[in-house]
Amino acid sequence: MDTPTHLSMKELEAGLEHICQSSKDGGAVMLIVRRPGENEREIMQTAELDLQEGLAGDNWKTRGNNNTPDGSANINAQITVMNSRTIDLLAQSEERWALAGDQLYVDLDLSGDNLPPGTRLALGSAVIEVTAQPHTGCSKFAERYGTDAAKFVNSPEGKRLHLRGINTKVVQAGIVRVGDVVKKM
């Protein structure tokens, strides 16, 4: 697969209107990705969300977190969710969506106005809760999608809209499938 040219800030900003047309409620799960190891991605049609493990078979728990006092996994960043319209713009090809490193890609408005911390989302038989833990673009994100993409998602407007995505935790274990409706509770 050819590596696409990274979009300029002007090209990214031109896509913002389309991103902002995402459903406020009743969006859909567009992609599920499991990360079994560092820089490994498995595209899934169905996944189990577990209270202790997060997405079953994902490395969230075993990878841990450098920002917790004991290095353990951060429960407030158990499941990362990204807007499918945003990643489609940045990646320029669905085959490159999973490189972002998130587990769930949904066609849903993830902005703080629409999904403040504490909002619960039902998807399949599972329920996740939006946490206040920020989700920001890192150096790997910039490498994969471009410096302007990282600046775009981390700009004041990008942060307000949560263009890089949101962190959530599982509050009801269950099964989620591509195509499932995502509903605010």
Protein backbone atom coordinates (compact mmCIF):
# COMPACT_ATOMS: atom_id res chain seq x y z
CA MET A 1 0.00 0.00 0.00
CA ASP A 2 1.37 3.41 -0.95
CA THR A 3 1.77 5.88 1.90
CA PRO A 4 -0.53 8.81 1.17
CA THR A 5 0.72 12.36 1.27
CA HIS A 6 -0.12 14.03 4.56
CA LEU A 7 -2.81 16.67 4.29
CA SER A 8 -2.07 20.34 4.87
CA MET A 9 -3.78 22.34 7.60
CA LYS A 10 -5.92 24.02 4.93
CA GLU A 11 -7.07 20.62 3.60
CA LEU A 12 -7.79 19.39 7.14
CA GLU A 13 -9.78 22.51 8.03
CA ALA A 14 -11.81 22.06 4.82
CA GLY A 15 -12.99 18.69 6.17
CA LEU A 16 -14.17 20.06 9.51
CA GLU A 17 -17.74 20.76 8.36
CA HIS A 18 -18.21 17.11 7.34
CA ILE A 19 -16.84 15.92 10.69
CA CYS A 20 -19.24 18.22 12.55
CA GLN A 21 -22.18 16.57 10.76
CA SER A 22 -21.67 13.36 12.78
CA SER A 23 -24.74 12.10 14.61
CA LYS A 24 -25.32 13.58 18.07
CA ASP A 25 -26.96 10.30 19.14
CA GLY A 26 -27.58 7.03 17.34
CA GLY A 27 -24.30 6.88 15.44
CA ALA A 28 -22.75 3.58 14.41
CA VAL A 29 -19.68 1.52 15.27
CA MET A 30 -17.64 1.65 12.06
CA LEU A 31 -14.47 -0.24 13.05
CA ILE A 32 -13.18 -2.28 15.99
CA VAL A 33 -9.44 -2.74 16.48
CA ARG A 34 -7.61 -4.93 18.98
CA ARG A 35 -3.98 -4.17 19.81
CA PRO A 36 -2.45 -7.49 20.94
CA GLY A 37 1.09 -6.06 21.09
CA GLU A 38 2.98 -2.86 20.48
CA ASN A 39 2.31 -1.57 16.93
CA GLU A 40 0.12 -4.63 16.23
CA ARG A 41 -3.47 -4.23 15.03
CA GLU A 42 -6.26 -6.77 14.49
CA ILE A 43 -9.43 -5.64 12.74
CA MET A 44 -12.46 -7.29 14.33
CA GLN A 45 -16.12 -7.61 13.45
CA THR A 46 -17.10 -8.50 17.03
CA ALA A 47 -15.38 -7.78 20.34
CA GLU A 48 -15.97 -8.45 24.00
CA LEU A 49 -15.73 -5.46 26.34
CA ASP A 50 -14.78 -6.53 29.87
CA LEU A 51 -14.79 -4.56 33.13
CA GLN A 52 -11.24 -5.59 34.09
CA GLU A 53 -9.58 -6.27 30.73
CA GLY A 54 -11.16 -3.57 28.53
CA LEU A 55 -11.37 -4.96 25.00
CA ALA A 56 -10.65 -8.70 25.38
CA GLY A 57 -7.25 -9.61 23.93
CA ASP A 58 -6.08 -5.98 23.77
CA ASN A 59 -2.80 -4.99 25.42
CA TRP A 60 -4.26 -2.06 27.41
CA LYS A 61 -3.91 -3.77 30.79
CA THR A 62 -0.56 -5.51 30.23
CA ARG A 63 1.01 -2.44 28.58
CA GLY A 64 0.30 -0.29 31.63
CA ASN A 65 0.74 3.47 31.74
CA ASN A 66 3.81 5.59 32.46
CA ASN A 67 1.62 8.28 34.04
CA THR A 68 0.17 6.15 36.86
CA PRO A 69 2.17 6.05 40.13
CA ASP A 70 2.72 2.29 39.94
CA GLY A 71 2.83 1.99 36.12
CA SER A 72 -0.44 0.07 36.01
CA ALA A 73 -3.06 0.57 33.30
CA ASN A 74 -5.17 3.72 33.63
CA ILE A 75 -8.82 2.70 34.05
CA ASN A 76 -9.85 6.11 32.71
CA ALA A 77 -8.18 5.30 29.39
CA GLN A 78 -9.41 1.71 29.12
CA ILE A 79 -11.17 2.07 25.74
CA THR A 80 -10.24 4.82 23.28
CA VAL A 81 -12.88 5.99 20.84
CA MET A 82 -12.31 8.09 17.71
CA ASN A 83 -14.73 9.75 15.30
CA SER A 84 -14.77 7.82 12.01
CA ARG A 85 -15.14 10.98 9.91
CA THR A 86 -12.05 12.49 11.52
CA ILE A 87 -9.88 9.42 10.99
CA ASP A 88 -11.19 9.02 7.44
CA LEU A 89 -9.99 12.55 6.66
CA LEU A 90 -6.61 12.10 8.35
CA ALA A 91 -5.86 8.59 7.09
CA GLN A 92 -7.26 9.11 3.56
CA SER A 93 -7.94 5.37 3.38
CA GLU A 94 -9.86 3.02 5.68
CA GLU A 95 -6.88 0.63 5.60
CA ARG A 96 -4.93 3.27 7.56
CA TRP A 97 -7.55 3.99 10.25
CA ALA A 98 -6.20 1.40 12.70
CA LEU A 99 -2.77 3.08 12.76
CA ALA A 100 -4.28 5.74 15.05
CA GLY A 101 -4.22 3.14 17.83
CA ASP A 102 -7.81 3.50 19.03
CA GLN A 103 -10.09 0.53 19.62
CA LEU A 104 -13.48 1.86 18.54
CA TYR A 105 -14.21 4.13 15.58
CA VAL A 106 -17.71 5.55 15.59
CA ASP A 107 -19.77 7.96 13.50
CA LEU A 108 -20.78 10.05 16.52
CA ASP A 109 -20.16 13.61 17.68
CA LEU A 110 -17.51 13.16 20.39
CA SER A 111 -17.34 16.84 21.36
CA GLY A 112 -17.32 17.82 25.01
CA ASP A 113 -20.65 19.61 24.47
CA ASN A 114 -22.27 16.39 23.22
CA LEU A 115 -20.45 13.86 25.43
CA PRO A 116 -19.22 15.44 28.65
CA PRO A 117 -17.36 13.22 31.15
CA GLY A 118 -19.77 10.83 32.83
CA THR A 119 -21.88 10.31 29.70
CA ARG A 120 -22.67 6.66 29.16
CA LEU A 121 -22.84 5.10 25.73
CA ALA A 122 -24.63 1.85 24.95
CA LEU A 123 -23.17 -0.13 22.05
CA GLY A 124 -24.23 -3.70 21.48
CA SER A 125 -24.78 -5.23 24.93
CA ALA A 126 -21.92 -3.20 26.45
CA VAL A 127 -21.91 0.23 28.10
CA ILE A 128 -18.91 2.54 28.27
CA GLU A 129 -18.54 5.81 30.17
CA VAL A 130 -16.72 8.91 28.92
CA THR A 131 -13.92 9.91 31.30
CA ALA A 132 -12.25 13.29 31.82
CA GLN A 133 -8.85 11.81 30.85
CA PRO A 134 -7.64 13.83 27.80
CA HIS A 135 -6.80 11.95 24.60
CA THR A 136 -4.19 13.78 22.53
CA GLY A 137 -2.15 13.13 19.41
CA CYS A 138 1.38 11.85 20.14
CA SER A 139 4.56 11.67 18.09
CA LYS A 140 3.48 8.36 16.52
CA PHE A 141 0.21 10.00 15.48
CA ALA A 142 2.12 12.89 13.85
CA GLU A 143 4.46 10.43 12.12
CA ARG A 144 1.56 8.41 10.69
CA TYR A 145 -0.78 11.26 9.68
CA GLY A 146 1.47 14.33 9.53
CA THR A 147 2.52 17.21 11.75
CA ASP A 148 -0.44 19.30 10.57
CA ALA A 149 -2.81 16.47 11.56
CA ALA A 150 -1.39 16.45 15.09
CA LYS A 151 -1.68 20.25 15.28
CA PHE A 152 -5.25 20.02 13.89
CA VAL A 153 -6.50 17.54 16.52
CA ASN A 154 -4.60 19.29 19.34
CA SER A 155 -5.71 22.82 18.42
CA PRO A 156 -8.18 24.57 20.76
CA GLU A 157 -11.03 23.72 18.34
CA GLY A 158 -9.72 20.18 17.88
CA LYS A 159 -9.65 19.66 21.65
CA ARG A 160 -13.15 21.13 22.05
CA LEU A 161 -14.47 18.74 19.40
CA HIS A 162 -12.31 15.86 20.68
CA LEU A 163 -10.99 15.27 17.18
CA ARG A 164 -8.26 12.97 18.55
CA GLY A 165 -10.97 11.01 20.31
CA ILE A 166 -12.07 10.30 23.84
CA ASN A 167 -11.10 7.99 26.65
CA THR A 168 -13.73 5.75 28.19
CA LYS A 169 -14.05 2.88 30.63
CA VAL A 170 -16.29 -0.18 30.51
CA VAL A 171 -19.16 0.03 33.02
CA GLN A 172 -21.21 -2.90 31.67
CA ALA A 173 -19.47 -5.84 30.05
CA GLY A 174 -20.88 -7.05 26.76
CA ILE A 175 -20.41 -7.70 23.07
CA VAL A 176 -20.04 -4.96 20.45
CA ARG A 177 -20.17 -5.47 16.69
CA VAL A 178 -19.35 -3.35 13.67
CA GLY A 179 -22.64 -1.73 12.66
CA ASP A 180 -24.04 -1.56 16.19
CA VAL A 181 -25.82 1.68 17.07
CA VAL A 182 -24.11 3.91 19.65
CA LYS A 183 -26.74 5.53 21.91
CA LYS A 184 -26.32 8.04 24.70
CA MET A 185 -27.95 6.82 27.90
